Protein backbone atom coordinates (compact mmCIF):
# COMPACT_ATOMS: atom_id res chain seq x y z
CA MET A 1 108.01 140.48 107.51
CA LYS A 2 107.74 139.72 111.60
CA VAL A 3 104.01 138.67 110.30
CA ALA A 4 105.58 136.13 107.95
CA LEU A 5 107.93 134.70 110.27
CA THR A 6 104.93 133.66 112.74
CA ALA A 7 103.44 131.93 110.19
CA ALA A 8 106.58 130.09 109.28
CA SER A 9 107.01 129.54 113.20
CA ALA A 10 103.44 127.75 113.59
CA LEU A 11 104.05 125.70 110.25
CA MET A 12 107.38 124.19 112.11
CA LEU A 13 105.08 123.34 114.75
CA SER A 14 102.98 121.19 112.69
CA THR A 15 105.85 119.82 110.81
CA TYR A 16 107.03 117.70 113.87
CA ALA A 17 103.09 117.34 114.75
CA ALA A 18 102.37 114.69 112.47
CA HIS A 19 104.12 111.34 112.95
CA ALA A 20 107.92 112.54 112.36
CA GLY A 21 110.34 109.39 111.58
CA ALA A 22 111.06 106.56 114.57
CA LEU A 23 109.95 107.88 117.91
CA ASP A 24 110.48 111.62 117.09
CA ARG A 25 107.97 114.06 117.79
CA THR A 26 109.23 117.79 118.30
CA GLY A 27 112.11 117.95 116.33
CA GLN A 28 114.12 119.45 119.79
CA SER A 29 113.78 123.34 117.57
CA VAL A 30 115.58 126.14 120.06
CA ALA A 31 113.23 128.90 117.70
CA VAL A 32 112.09 130.48 120.42
CA LEU A 33 115.51 131.75 121.54
CA PHE A 34 115.54 134.24 118.88
CA GLU A 35 112.24 135.82 119.42
CA LYS A 36 112.37 139.64 120.53
CA GLY A 37 112.06 140.44 124.02
CA ARG A 38 110.42 138.53 126.52
CA TYR A 39 108.04 136.08 125.07
CA ALA A 40 105.85 133.34 126.17
CA GLU A 41 103.96 130.26 124.52
CA PHE A 42 101.88 127.68 124.86
CA SER A 43 101.32 124.83 121.98
CA PHE A 44 98.99 121.99 121.58
CA GLY A 45 99.39 119.25 118.65
CA SER A 46 96.77 116.79 117.51
CA VAL A 47 98.10 113.52 115.25
CA SER A 48 96.10 110.53 113.77
CA PRO A 49 98.16 107.97 111.97
CA SER A 50 96.80 105.38 109.89
CA VAL A 51 99.35 102.55 109.94
CA SER A 52 98.29 99.33 108.56
CA GLY A 53 99.84 96.14 106.88
CA VAL A 54 98.79 92.61 105.62
CA GLY A 55 100.70 89.50 106.94
CA THR A 56 102.40 87.03 104.47
CA ALA A 57 101.40 83.31 104.03
CA GLY A 58 104.50 82.09 106.47
CA VAL A 59 102.81 83.82 109.69
CA GLY A 60 99.17 83.03 108.15
CA GLY A 61 98.15 86.08 106.53
CA GLY A 62 95.35 88.39 107.71
CA SER A 63 95.54 92.10 108.02
CA SER A 64 96.95 94.20 111.06
CA GLY A 65 93.70 96.91 110.97
CA ASN A 66 95.22 100.27 112.36
CA MET A 67 98.13 99.31 114.84
CA SER A 68 98.98 103.49 115.48
CA GLU A 69 96.72 105.07 117.98
CA ASP A 70 95.75 108.70 117.76
CA TYR A 71 98.12 111.30 120.50
CA LEU A 72 98.49 114.77 121.53
CA GLN A 73 101.27 116.85 121.93
CA PHE A 74 101.77 119.68 124.41
CA GLY A 75 104.62 122.33 124.79
CA ALA A 76 105.31 125.98 126.49
CA ALA A 77 108.14 128.10 126.41
CA TYR A 78 109.45 131.19 127.77
CA LYS A 79 112.33 133.64 126.79
CA ALA A 80 113.97 136.72 128.05
CA ASP A 81 117.11 139.22 127.48
CA ILE A 82 118.95 139.42 131.06
CA ASN A 83 120.66 142.24 129.11
CA ASP A 84 122.07 143.52 125.53
CA THR A 85 124.61 140.49 125.55
CA TRP A 86 122.75 137.71 127.31
CA SER A 87 119.63 135.87 126.86
CA TYR A 88 117.90 132.90 128.06
CA ALA A 89 115.01 130.24 127.48
CA LEU A 90 112.96 127.77 129.14
CA ILE A 91 111.18 125.10 126.73
CA PHE A 92 108.88 122.24 128.15
CA ASP A 93 108.07 119.57 125.28
CA LYS A 94 107.61 115.72 124.96
CA PRO A 95 110.50 115.13 122.22
CA PHE A 96 109.76 111.33 122.05
CA GLY A 97 107.07 108.72 122.15
CA ALA A 98 105.28 105.81 120.56
CA ASN A 99 101.31 104.48 121.07
CA VAL A 100 101.10 100.61 119.29
CA ASP A 101 97.73 99.23 119.57
CA TYR A 102 96.99 96.28 117.35
CA PRO A 103 93.48 95.36 117.28
CA THR A 104 92.40 91.92 118.30
CA GLY A 105 90.34 89.58 116.41
CA THR A 106 92.16 90.05 113.06
CA GLY A 107 93.98 87.20 112.40
CA TYR A 108 96.98 89.20 112.06
CA PHE A 109 100.13 87.54 113.80
CA ALA A 110 100.87 90.61 115.76
CA ALA A 111 97.08 91.16 116.83
CA GLY A 112 96.59 92.33 120.71
CA SER A 113 100.38 93.54 120.96
CA THR A 114 100.62 96.87 122.28
CA ALA A 115 103.51 99.30 123.53
CA GLU A 116 103.82 102.86 124.64
CA PHE A 117 106.58 105.14 125.35
CA ASP A 118 106.38 108.39 126.95
CA SER A 119 108.84 111.13 127.60
CA ASN A 120 109.22 115.20 129.13
CA ALA A 121 111.45 117.38 129.04
CA ILE A 122 112.37 120.58 130.37
CA THR A 123 115.58 122.83 128.54
CA GLY A 124 117.19 125.49 129.90
CA ILE A 125 119.47 127.83 127.25
CA LEU A 126 121.80 130.52 127.98
CA GLN A 127 122.86 132.55 124.87
CA TYR A 128 125.47 134.80 124.18
CA ASN A 129 124.69 137.63 121.70
CA LEU A 130 127.76 139.29 119.89
CA PRO A 131 127.44 142.66 118.33
CA THR A 132 128.43 141.05 114.80
CA ASN A 133 125.16 139.44 114.78
CA LEU A 134 126.84 135.76 115.87
CA SER A 135 125.72 134.23 118.86
CA PHE A 136 126.64 131.30 120.79
CA TYR A 137 124.55 129.51 122.85
CA GLY A 138 124.29 126.34 125.40
CA GLY A 139 122.10 124.69 127.84
CA ILE A 140 120.96 121.57 130.06
CA ARG A 141 118.27 119.04 129.06
CA LEU A 142 116.47 117.52 132.14
CA GLN A 143 114.29 114.23 130.73
CA THR A 144 112.27 111.46 131.96
CA ILE A 145 111.01 108.35 129.95
CA ALA A 146 109.19 105.33 130.73
CA ALA A 147 107.92 102.50 128.63
CA GLU A 148 105.97 99.27 128.58
CA ALA A 149 104.97 96.76 125.92
CA VAL A 150 102.50 93.71 125.59
CA ILE A 151 103.79 91.13 122.88
CA PRO A 152 101.61 88.00 123.04
CA PHE A 153 102.96 86.29 119.90
CA VAL A 154 106.28 85.78 121.72
CA SER A 155 105.35 83.67 124.29
CA GLY A 156 102.71 85.58 125.82
CA TYR A 157 105.56 88.65 126.66
CA SER A 158 105.19 91.41 128.28
CA ALA A 159 107.66 94.24 130.07
CA ASP A 160 106.68 97.56 131.96
CA GLY A 161 109.67 99.70 132.30
CA ASP A 162 109.38 102.49 135.21
CA ARG A 163 109.95 106.14 134.68
CA ASP A 164 113.42 107.50 134.75
CA PHE A 165 115.31 110.34 134.81
CA GLY A 166 118.22 111.39 132.97
CA VAL A 167 120.44 114.90 131.97
CA GLY A 168 121.94 115.53 128.70
CA TYR A 169 122.82 119.17 126.93
CA LEU A 170 122.93 121.22 123.90
CA ALA A 171 125.08 123.66 122.42
CA GLY A 172 124.76 125.70 119.30
CA VAL A 173 125.70 129.02 117.09
CA ALA A 174 123.32 131.00 115.15
CA TYR A 175 124.07 134.12 112.60
CA GLU A 176 121.46 136.91 112.30
CA ARG A 177 121.05 139.82 109.47
CA PRO A 178 117.72 140.78 110.91
CA ASP A 179 117.46 143.67 107.73
CA ILE A 180 116.84 140.68 105.36
CA ALA A 181 115.25 138.44 107.92
CA LEU A 182 118.25 136.30 107.57
CA ARG A 183 118.88 133.43 110.26
CA VAL A 184 121.07 130.27 110.69
CA SER A 185 121.43 127.96 113.44
CA LEU A 186 123.15 124.69 114.10
CA THR A 187 122.23 122.98 117.39
CA TYR A 188 123.65 119.91 118.50
CA ASN A 189 121.88 117.69 121.14
CA SER A 190 123.27 115.15 123.48
CA LYS A 191 121.87 111.71 123.77
CA ILE A 192 120.36 111.14 127.14
CA GLU A 193 121.19 107.75 128.78
CA HIS A 194 118.29 106.07 130.82
CA GLU A 195 117.98 102.87 132.94
CA LEU A 196 114.63 101.49 133.21
CA ASP A 197 113.82 99.18 136.27
CA THR A 198 111.62 96.90 134.00
CA VAL A 199 109.10 93.96 135.39
CA GLU A 200 108.99 91.54 132.30
CA THR A 201 106.59 88.27 132.30
CA SER A 202 106.16 85.53 129.70
CA ILE A 203 104.99 81.77 129.46
CA ALA A 204 108.45 80.40 128.98
CA LEU A 205 110.46 81.94 131.82
CA GLY A 206 107.69 83.06 134.02
CA GLY A 207 107.79 86.07 136.20
CA PRO A 208 107.44 88.47 137.29
CA ASN A 209 111.25 88.98 136.52
CA ALA A 210 112.99 92.19 137.41
CA SER A 211 115.59 93.35 135.34
CA THR A 212 117.00 96.38 134.17
CA THR A 213 116.58 97.76 130.55
CA PRO A 214 119.45 100.71 129.29
CA ILE A 215 117.87 102.95 126.71
CA ASP A 216 119.64 106.16 125.38
CA THR A 217 117.64 108.86 123.70
CA PRO A 218 119.71 109.68 120.40
CA GLN A 219 121.78 112.51 119.75
CA SER A 220 121.05 114.87 116.93
CA LEU A 221 121.97 117.79 115.01
CA ASN A 222 119.56 120.51 113.92
CA LEU A 223 120.40 122.91 111.04
CA GLU A 224 117.43 125.81 111.01
CA PHE A 225 117.58 128.84 108.22
CA GLN A 226 115.09 131.58 106.97
CA SER A 227 115.65 134.56 104.68
CA GLY A 228 113.67 137.01 103.71
CA ILE A 229 113.95 136.56 99.09
CA ALA A 230 111.03 139.20 98.40
CA LYS A 231 109.13 141.95 99.76
CA ASP A 232 106.83 140.19 102.63
CA THR A 233 108.31 136.71 101.76
CA LEU A 234 110.11 134.56 103.66
CA LEU A 235 112.31 131.12 102.59
CA PHE A 236 112.68 128.84 105.55
CA GLY A 237 113.25 125.33 106.36
CA SER A 238 115.82 122.88 108.32
CA VAL A 239 117.70 119.57 108.07
CA ARG A 240 117.81 117.42 111.07
CA TRP A 241 119.86 114.52 111.55
CA THR A 242 118.97 111.85 114.64
CA ASP A 243 121.56 109.20 115.36
CA TRP A 244 118.39 106.30 115.69
CA SER A 245 120.78 103.29 114.66
CA GLU A 246 122.59 103.50 117.79
CA PHE A 247 118.71 103.21 119.42
CA GLU A 248 117.38 100.24 120.66
CA ILE A 249 115.20 98.96 123.34
CA THR A 250 115.98 95.70 124.73
CA PRO A 251 114.94 94.23 128.08
CA THR A 252 116.87 90.97 129.13
CA ASN A 253 114.02 88.57 128.99
CA TYR A 254 113.08 89.47 125.78
CA GLN A 255 116.64 89.27 124.45
CA THR A 256 116.22 85.75 125.96
CA LEU A 257 113.11 84.67 124.21
CA THR A 258 114.18 85.54 120.77
CA GLY A 259 117.53 84.86 120.76
CA GLY A 260 119.13 88.51 120.59
CA GLY A 261 116.09 90.33 119.28
CA SER A 262 114.93 93.81 120.31
CA LEU A 263 111.27 95.45 121.14
CA VAL A 264 112.59 98.28 118.92
CA SER A 265 115.46 99.40 117.07
CA TYR A 266 116.32 100.87 113.52
CA ASN A 267 118.78 99.86 110.79
CA GLY A 268 120.03 103.74 110.33
CA ASP A 269 120.53 107.39 110.63
CA ILE A 270 117.62 109.17 110.30
CA VAL A 271 117.64 112.84 108.41
CA THR A 272 114.76 115.01 107.75
CA TYR A 273 114.37 117.48 105.49
CA THR A 274 111.75 120.78 105.39
CA LEU A 275 111.84 123.74 103.25
CA GLY A 276 108.98 126.24 103.12
CA LEU A 277 107.46 129.53 102.38
CA GLY A 278 105.98 132.36 104.05
CA ARG A 279 104.04 135.08 102.84
CA ARG A 280 102.78 138.25 105.00
CA ILE A 281 99.10 139.34 103.60
CA ASN A 282 98.72 142.19 105.75
CA ASP A 283 99.21 143.61 109.23
CA THR A 284 97.20 140.87 111.00
CA TRP A 285 97.55 138.04 108.64
CA ALA A 286 100.49 135.49 107.11
CA VAL A 287 100.39 132.46 105.89
CA ALA A 288 102.91 129.69 104.95
CA ALA A 289 103.47 126.10 103.35
CA THR A 290 106.19 123.63 103.31
CA VAL A 291 106.95 120.31 102.29
CA GLY A 292 109.11 117.86 104.32
CA TYR A 293 111.08 114.02 103.29
CA GLU A 294 112.60 111.32 105.04
CA GLU A 295 114.36 109.01 103.09
CA PRO A 296 114.08 105.24 103.95
CA ILE A 297 116.63 103.39 105.67
CA GLY A 298 115.58 100.30 103.97
CA GLY A 299 115.81 96.74 105.28
CA PHE A 300 113.08 95.16 107.80
CA THR A 301 111.50 97.31 110.30
CA THR A 302 110.13 95.90 113.79
CA ASN A 303 106.50 95.36 114.56
CA LEU A 304 106.35 98.06 116.91
CA GLY A 305 107.54 100.45 114.95
CA PRO A 306 106.30 99.57 110.95
CA THR A 307 107.33 102.70 109.22
CA ASP A 308 110.10 104.09 107.08
CA GLY A 309 110.29 106.99 105.53
CA GLN A 310 107.89 109.84 104.62
CA THR A 311 106.93 112.92 102.49
CA SER A 312 104.74 115.41 103.59
CA LEU A 313 102.69 119.07 102.74
CA GLY A 314 101.82 121.41 105.49
CA LEU A 315 99.90 124.70 105.45
CA ALA A 316 100.11 127.42 108.33
CA ALA A 317 98.23 130.78 109.15
CA THR A 318 99.15 133.18 111.65
CA TYR A 319 96.53 135.87 112.96
CA THR A 320 98.51 139.04 115.41
CA LYS A 321 96.39 141.60 117.26
CA GLY A 322 98.32 143.60 119.68
CA ASN A 323 101.05 141.76 122.05
CA MET A 324 99.35 138.39 121.16
CA LYS A 325 99.73 135.84 118.10
CA ILE A 326 98.01 132.82 117.52
CA SER A 327 99.19 130.36 114.62
CA GLY A 328 97.64 127.34 113.56
CA GLY A 329 99.13 124.74 111.20
CA VAL A 330 98.17 121.27 109.29
CA ARG A 331 100.23 118.53 107.71
CA TYR A 332 99.60 115.43 105.92
CA VAL A 333 102.07 113.14 105.97
CA MET A 334 102.41 110.03 103.53
CA ILE A 335 104.63 106.57 104.64
CA ASP A 336 106.36 104.66 102.74
CA THR A 337 106.18 101.28 102.21
CA THR A 338 107.96 99.05 105.10
CA GLU A 339 108.34 95.42 105.83
CA THR A 340 108.71 93.51 109.09
CA ARG A 341 110.10 90.04 110.48
CA ALA A 342 108.97 88.09 113.08
CA GLY A 343 111.44 85.72 113.96
CA ALA A 344 113.09 83.52 111.01
CA VAL A 345 109.89 84.85 108.90
CA ALA A 346 110.71 87.83 106.67
CA PRO A 347 109.12 89.33 105.51
CA ALA A 348 106.19 88.84 107.97
CA GLY A 349 104.15 91.84 107.59
CA VAL A 350 103.98 94.41 104.47
CA PHE A 351 102.88 98.11 105.18
CA ARG A 352 102.33 100.34 102.55
CA ASP A 353 99.85 103.17 101.38
CA ASN A 354 99.71 104.32 105.25
CA ASP A 355 99.32 107.96 106.12
CA ALA A 356 99.04 110.43 109.20
CA LEU A 357 97.38 113.79 109.61
CA GLY A 358 98.54 116.27 112.86
CA PHE A 359 96.95 119.53 113.52
CA GLY A 360 98.86 122.59 115.89
CA ILE A 361 97.72 125.67 117.40
CA ARG A 362 100.35 127.67 119.47
CA ILE A 363 99.30 130.68 121.56
CA GLY A 364 102.48 133.26 122.13
CA TYR A 365 102.41 136.22 123.68
CA TYR A 366 105.21 139.39 124.10
CA PHE A 367 105.23 140.97 127.47
């Protein structure tokens, strides 16, 4: 069953390596905490989204071209037991991100608009294991974010937000039954508050103008589960709720120019569902498959984030040799239709038939 478990772990990597909802890129899983003994891993992901739309008559029509750039993901984690009761883990990830680049020369109203959101986080977790198979864990997350944007169709606006440091926390509880490969964990991740020193410029307001932009990365709740359902077969999945309705990026000058608008905001929270099966083939190989779903929020999306809802399919395999395991996964995402607005024009763009393809690889070693 152990090999089937590692294949499921690889698939969860590819699940979040392929364009999750809003700015979510890793899902903030704590699965490494449940590895046996002393363990280290490194992960790499490559994602190729294809997101394009067509302008309505109110903004002159035109096709946007692919406005979502390819991006890479990196991660690392280390887990160890202090004794029979206490364990700890250290996790590095890039939990949130965005890469927007509308091609120029398309005739689309947002042509030439660009934006980037980058984050890095280090999480330290301490776990207390009871003899009843119940465990409690908690920890601190240290996070940095930076953001920048160029929006030519809003009075030649641009903003550059310096990297800022913030601190958050997580807390969780888990129950395990190793004899049937059962594990259920529930993890709360707090929001993390940031204030970015921002330089803004625009034709109407001039500049450069210095301001401060508050950005709070959202709180979330992760339910992760797995259980053996037959010999060498594992059922696994997760439900992740993220409080995106409270997230916004609203620099001072941009708010003035647009009468209260935000560069990025969301109409509601996002719940991501994942369900999969893992199967051990032999002592060396295991495979897994998954389906994922995010229900659309509805309403108009912002021009820097024209996606809303998705369905995904994923495959993964794990090769185990001695103390090393190498896991790889691929995930295909079908992105639902959404509409954007531009000032009083709504809809301004219609985005449909979009998708993303992600690949992930993870190398783990038991000491």
